């Protein structure tokens, strides 16, 4: 697992360096996906192609699931889960909240992950059962631990919003109900970074509807290895319907606030 983490870290660094070096002042939008605001840039595609090539060279029998290219078959029990740029709109606008995210699954369980927050020079890594660390500018190593014992009314909570107007309307209703009950809300624009922020104690909790496996696979392991709990509503696993992450205790409090609001409903 440490070998998987090291390889994920090396590839995430290489992809991040490429993105930083090649990002123009106005990155080209290739196309949109679920809505006109859900964009794909030329560098999303280029970064994923680089990552797939590096994985293929090092582990030619493994499967790869990427946000842009879908799933490539393989012959082993290992699957790599890739988000070449989590926070593409931030990347497009020159905001620093974007990351390269690479996770490794073995027999369906995530065992290693790397989240490279390129503009900050921060790389979060985790291996199953071995904890999570933050490396700053490739030098200092900080072992991560989420904030524990924080009551709901003092919790700083990160969240995100979807691309469709109808989904945002529901999310606005939910956040309006949550905001008076917590310390404050933060919205950064990257699921992976928000989950790593839970791990690092920069926020106390995170929730969102509509995130995909490639958004949270690596960062979810970073968070859980830092002591947090991640899940969906009513005991479900995290997924596109809903994802919630916080230390035990706060997780249950926030869940019990959110569940009656039916945050996974359609407008």
Protein backbone atom coordinates (compact mmCIF):
# COMPACT_ATOMS: atom_id res chain seq x y z
CA UNK A 1 0.00 0.00 0.00
CA UNK A 2 2.88 2.36 0.68
CA UNK A 3 4.19 1.57 -2.81
CA UNK A 4 0.77 2.47 -4.25
CA UNK A 5 0.77 5.74 -2.26
CA UNK A 6 4.28 6.61 -3.42
CA UNK A 7 3.39 5.97 -7.06
CA UNK A 8 0.15 7.96 -6.77
CA UNK A 9 2.10 10.81 -5.18
CA UNK A 10 4.78 10.81 -7.90
CA UNK A 11 2.20 10.84 -10.69
CA UNK A 12 0.07 13.52 -8.99
CA UNK A 13 3.17 15.68 -8.64
CA UNK A 14 4.11 15.27 -12.30
CA UNK A 15 0.59 16.07 -13.48
CA UNK A 16 0.42 19.07 -11.15
CA UNK A 17 3.74 20.42 -12.38
CA UNK A 18 2.54 20.10 -15.97
CA UNK A 19 -0.71 21.89 -15.24
CA UNK A 20 1.03 24.73 -13.43
CA UNK A 21 3.60 25.15 -16.19
CA UNK A 22 1.11 25.04 -19.06
CA UNK A 23 -1.85 26.90 -17.59
CA UNK A 24 -2.45 29.93 -19.85
CA UNK A 25 -4.00 33.16 -18.59
CA UNK A 26 -7.30 32.08 -20.17
CA UNK A 27 -7.51 28.26 -20.30
CA UNK A 28 -9.49 26.95 -23.24
CA UNK A 29 -12.91 25.47 -22.52
CA UNK A 30 -13.25 22.37 -24.70
CA UNK A 31 -16.84 21.56 -23.86
CA UNK A 32 -19.44 21.54 -21.11
CA UNK A 33 -21.00 18.51 -19.45
CA UNK A 34 -24.10 18.64 -17.25
CA UNK A 35 -24.71 22.39 -17.70
CA UNK A 36 -23.09 25.46 -19.33
CA UNK A 37 -21.14 26.04 -16.10
CA UNK A 38 -19.81 22.45 -15.88
CA UNK A 39 -16.70 22.86 -17.99
CA UNK A 40 -13.90 20.71 -19.36
CA UNK A 41 -10.63 22.37 -20.32
CA UNK A 42 -7.93 21.19 -22.71
CA UNK A 43 -5.63 20.72 -19.73
CA UNK A 44 -8.15 18.46 -17.94
CA UNK A 45 -7.79 16.11 -20.88
CA UNK A 46 -4.03 16.51 -21.13
CA UNK A 47 -3.51 15.85 -17.43
CA UNK A 48 -5.65 12.72 -17.47
CA UNK A 49 -3.81 11.43 -20.55
CA UNK A 50 -0.49 11.95 -18.74
CA UNK A 51 -1.74 10.18 -15.61
CA UNK A 52 -3.12 7.24 -17.59
CA UNK A 53 0.16 6.91 -19.48
CA UNK A 54 2.24 6.90 -16.29
CA UNK A 55 -0.01 4.33 -14.59
CA UNK A 56 0.09 2.17 -17.71
CA UNK A 57 3.89 2.25 -17.76
CA UNK A 58 4.22 1.33 -14.07
CA UNK A 59 1.19 -1.02 -13.72
CA UNK A 60 0.13 -2.20 -17.19
CA UNK A 61 -2.53 -4.66 -15.98
CA UNK A 62 -4.49 -2.27 -13.76
CA UNK A 63 -7.86 -0.72 -14.55
CA UNK A 64 -8.23 3.07 -14.60
CA UNK A 65 -11.37 5.13 -13.96
CA UNK A 66 -10.96 8.78 -14.92
CA UNK A 67 -13.40 11.67 -14.87
CA UNK A 68 -12.74 12.60 -18.49
CA UNK A 69 -11.96 9.27 -20.13
CA UNK A 70 -14.23 6.84 -18.31
CA UNK A 71 -13.06 3.34 -17.34
CA UNK A 72 -10.28 1.44 -19.07
CA UNK A 73 -10.33 -2.34 -18.55
CA UNK A 74 -7.47 -4.31 -17.04
CA UNK A 75 -6.50 -7.77 -15.86
CA UNK A 76 -5.67 -7.15 -12.18
CA UNK A 77 -7.76 -6.51 -9.06
CA UNK A 78 -6.36 -2.96 -8.88
CA UNK A 79 -8.24 0.09 -10.10
CA UNK A 80 -6.92 3.65 -10.20
CA UNK A 81 -9.45 6.46 -9.73
CA UNK A 82 -8.38 9.75 -11.28
CA UNK A 83 -9.63 13.31 -11.20
CA UNK A 84 -7.09 15.30 -13.24
CA UNK A 85 -8.38 18.65 -11.97
CA UNK A 86 -10.84 18.72 -9.08
CA UNK A 87 -12.04 22.30 -9.06
CA UNK A 88 -11.89 22.97 -12.80
CA UNK A 89 -13.84 26.24 -12.55
CA UNK A 90 -11.33 27.49 -9.96
CA UNK A 91 -8.52 26.44 -12.31
CA UNK A 92 -10.24 28.28 -15.15
CA UNK A 93 -10.52 31.50 -13.12
CA UNK A 94 -7.04 31.35 -11.61
CA UNK A 95 -8.25 30.59 -8.09
CA UNK A 96 -5.97 28.37 -5.96
CA UNK A 97 -8.56 25.79 -4.86
CA UNK A 98 -7.88 23.01 -7.36
CA UNK A 99 -6.09 19.70 -7.08
CA UNK A 100 -4.96 16.54 -8.86
CA UNK A 101 -6.57 13.54 -7.15
CA UNK A 102 -5.43 9.92 -7.59
CA UNK A 103 -6.70 6.95 -5.56
CA UNK A 104 -5.95 3.22 -5.72
CA UNK A 105 -8.55 0.53 -5.08
CA UNK A 106 -7.78 -3.15 -4.50
CA UNK A 107 -10.77 -5.48 -4.73
CA UNK A 108 -13.08 -2.47 -4.41
CA UNK A 109 -11.46 -0.94 -1.32
CA UNK A 110 -9.46 2.29 -1.50
CA UNK A 111 -6.01 1.55 -0.09
CA UNK A 112 -3.98 4.61 -1.10
CA UNK A 113 -4.52 8.15 -2.27
CA UNK A 114 -2.78 11.38 -3.16
CA UNK A 115 -4.31 14.85 -3.48
CA UNK A 116 -1.94 17.45 -4.90
CA UNK A 117 -3.18 20.99 -4.18
CA UNK A 118 -0.83 22.42 -6.74
CA UNK A 119 -1.10 26.20 -6.25
CA UNK A 120 -0.47 25.82 -2.50
CA UNK A 121 2.47 23.44 -2.83
CA UNK A 122 0.62 20.97 -0.60
CA UNK A 123 0.31 17.24 -1.16
CA UNK A 124 -1.97 15.09 1.01
CA UNK A 125 -1.35 11.34 1.01
CA UNK A 126 -2.77 8.34 2.86
CA UNK A 127 -2.38 4.57 2.98
CA UNK A 128 -5.01 2.32 4.49
CA UNK A 129 -4.19 1.69 8.16
CA UNK A 130 -1.05 3.84 8.05
CA UNK A 131 -2.47 7.31 8.59
CA UNK A 132 -2.52 10.48 6.51
CA UNK A 133 0.15 13.12 6.04
CA UNK A 134 0.56 16.54 4.48
CA UNK A 135 3.77 17.41 2.65
CA UNK A 136 4.39 21.10 2.08
CA UNK A 137 6.58 22.05 -0.89
CA UNK A 138 7.91 18.50 -0.83
CA UNK A 139 9.74 19.06 2.45
CA UNK A 140 7.93 19.23 5.79
CA UNK A 141 5.70 16.29 6.71
CA UNK A 142 2.73 16.82 9.02
CA UNK A 143 0.74 13.87 10.33
CA UNK A 144 -2.95 14.74 10.04
CA UNK A 145 -5.68 14.52 12.65
CA UNK A 146 -9.17 15.94 12.28
CA UNK A 147 -10.71 18.17 14.92
CA UNK A 148 -12.43 16.11 17.61
CA UNK A 149 -15.04 17.01 20.21
CA UNK A 150 -16.44 19.99 18.29
CA UNK A 151 -20.16 20.53 18.95
CA UNK A 152 -22.46 21.33 16.05
CA UNK A 153 -22.97 24.96 17.04
CA UNK A 154 -19.21 25.60 16.89
CA UNK A 155 -18.50 23.63 13.74
CA UNK A 156 -17.02 25.30 10.67
CA UNK A 157 -18.69 23.41 7.83
CA UNK A 158 -17.58 23.22 4.20
CA UNK A 159 -20.03 22.50 1.42
CA UNK A 160 -20.44 22.78 -2.32
CA UNK A 161 -23.13 23.36 -4.90
CA UNK A 162 -24.14 21.58 -8.08
CA UNK A 163 -24.25 22.87 -11.62
CA UNK A 164 -27.99 22.76 -12.37
CA UNK A 165 -30.22 25.62 -11.26
CA UNK A 166 -32.80 23.22 -9.81
CA UNK A 167 -30.23 21.45 -7.65
CA UNK A 168 -28.77 24.74 -6.46
CA UNK A 169 -32.23 25.90 -5.39
CA UNK A 170 -32.55 22.88 -3.09
CA UNK A 171 -28.99 23.32 -1.83
CA UNK A 172 -29.72 26.97 -1.04
CA UNK A 173 -32.70 25.91 1.09
CA UNK A 174 -30.56 23.37 2.91
CA UNK A 175 -27.68 25.74 3.60
CA UNK A 176 -30.12 28.39 4.84
CA UNK A 177 -31.35 25.88 7.43
CA UNK A 178 -27.85 24.73 8.39
CA UNK A 179 -26.19 28.15 8.67
CA UNK A 180 -27.95 29.30 11.88
CA UNK A 181 -27.06 26.02 13.59
CA UNK A 182 -23.27 26.02 12.98
CA UNK A 183 -20.33 28.37 13.45
CA UNK A 184 -20.20 29.25 9.74
CA UNK A 185 -20.15 27.85 6.22
CA UNK A 186 -17.23 27.70 3.78
CA UNK A 187 -17.45 27.03 0.05
CA UNK A 188 -14.14 26.39 -1.69
CA UNK A 189 -15.18 24.66 -4.91
CA UNK A 190 -13.27 21.37 -4.62
CA UNK A 191 -14.62 18.28 -2.87
CA UNK A 192 -11.14 16.76 -2.62
CA UNK A 193 -9.67 19.85 -0.97
CA UNK A 194 -12.64 20.19 1.40
CA UNK A 195 -12.17 16.61 2.59
CA UNK A 196 -8.44 17.16 3.06
CA UNK A 197 -9.32 20.31 5.01
CA UNK A 198 -11.39 18.16 7.37
CA UNK A 199 -8.37 15.89 7.77
CA UNK A 200 -6.08 18.84 8.51
CA UNK A 201 -8.49 20.52 10.97
CA UNK A 202 -9.00 23.54 8.73
CA UNK A 203 -12.74 22.88 8.78
CA UNK A 204 -14.69 20.64 11.12
CA UNK A 205 -17.07 19.01 8.63
CA UNK A 206 -18.09 18.79 5.00
CA UNK A 207 -21.26 17.80 3.16
CA UNK A 208 -22.42 17.93 -0.44
CA UNK A 209 -24.80 16.34 -2.92
CA UNK A 210 -23.64 15.33 -6.37
CA UNK A 211 -20.00 14.39 -5.88
CA UNK A 212 -18.55 11.50 -7.87
CA UNK A 213 -16.23 8.65 -6.89
CA UNK A 214 -13.21 10.38 -8.44
CA UNK A 215 -13.96 13.51 -6.38
CA UNK A 216 -13.74 11.80 -2.99
CA UNK A 217 -11.91 8.47 -3.39
CA UNK A 218 -8.40 9.72 -2.52
CA UNK A 219 -9.43 12.55 -0.18
CA UNK A 220 -11.97 10.37 1.60
CA UNK A 221 -9.14 8.01 2.58
CA UNK A 222 -7.05 10.99 3.73
CA UNK A 223 -9.97 12.11 5.93
CA UNK A 224 -10.73 8.69 7.42
CA UNK A 225 -7.05 7.97 8.07
CA UNK A 226 -7.01 11.31 9.95
CA UNK A 227 -9.81 10.06 12.21
CA UNK A 228 -12.88 11.38 10.40
CA UNK A 229 -15.95 9.43 9.36
CA UNK A 230 -17.33 9.62 5.81
CA UNK A 231 -20.70 8.36 4.65
CA UNK A 232 -24.02 9.16 3.09
CA UNK A 233 -27.45 9.57 4.63
CA UNK A 234 -29.12 6.89 6.77
CA UNK A 235 -26.09 4.59 6.78
CA UNK A 236 -25.47 4.66 3.03
CA UNK A 237 -21.93 4.96 1.68
CA UNK A 238 -20.83 8.31 0.27
CA UNK A 239 -21.79 8.80 -3.35
CA UNK A 240 -23.51 11.00 -5.88
CA UNK A 241 -26.65 11.15 -3.74
CA UNK A 242 -24.84 12.58 -0.73
CA UNK A 243 -21.50 12.72 1.07
CA UNK A 244 -20.88 13.82 4.65
CA UNK A 245 -17.58 13.88 6.54
CA UNK A 246 -16.69 14.86 10.12
CA UNK A 247 -15.21 13.44 13.29
CA UNK A 248 -17.41 10.87 15.07
CA UNK A 249 -19.94 12.68 17.21
CA UNK A 250 -20.12 15.73 14.98
CA UNK A 251 -20.84 13.43 12.04
CA UNK A 252 -23.98 12.16 13.77
CA UNK A 253 -25.08 15.63 14.88
CA UNK A 254 -24.72 17.08 11.40
CA UNK A 255 -26.37 14.03 9.85
CA UNK A 256 -29.38 14.42 12.15
CA UNK A 257 -29.65 18.09 11.18
CA UNK A 258 -29.39 17.37 7.46
CA UNK A 259 -31.49 14.22 7.10
CA UNK A 260 -34.91 15.81 7.82
CA UNK A 261 -34.08 18.53 5.26
CA UNK A 262 -33.95 15.81 2.57
CA UNK A 263 -30.86 17.34 0.93
CA UNK A 264 -30.76 14.69 -1.80
CA UNK A 265 -34.24 15.55 -3.09
CA UNK A 266 -34.97 17.03 -6.48
CA UNK A 267 -36.52 20.47 -6.69
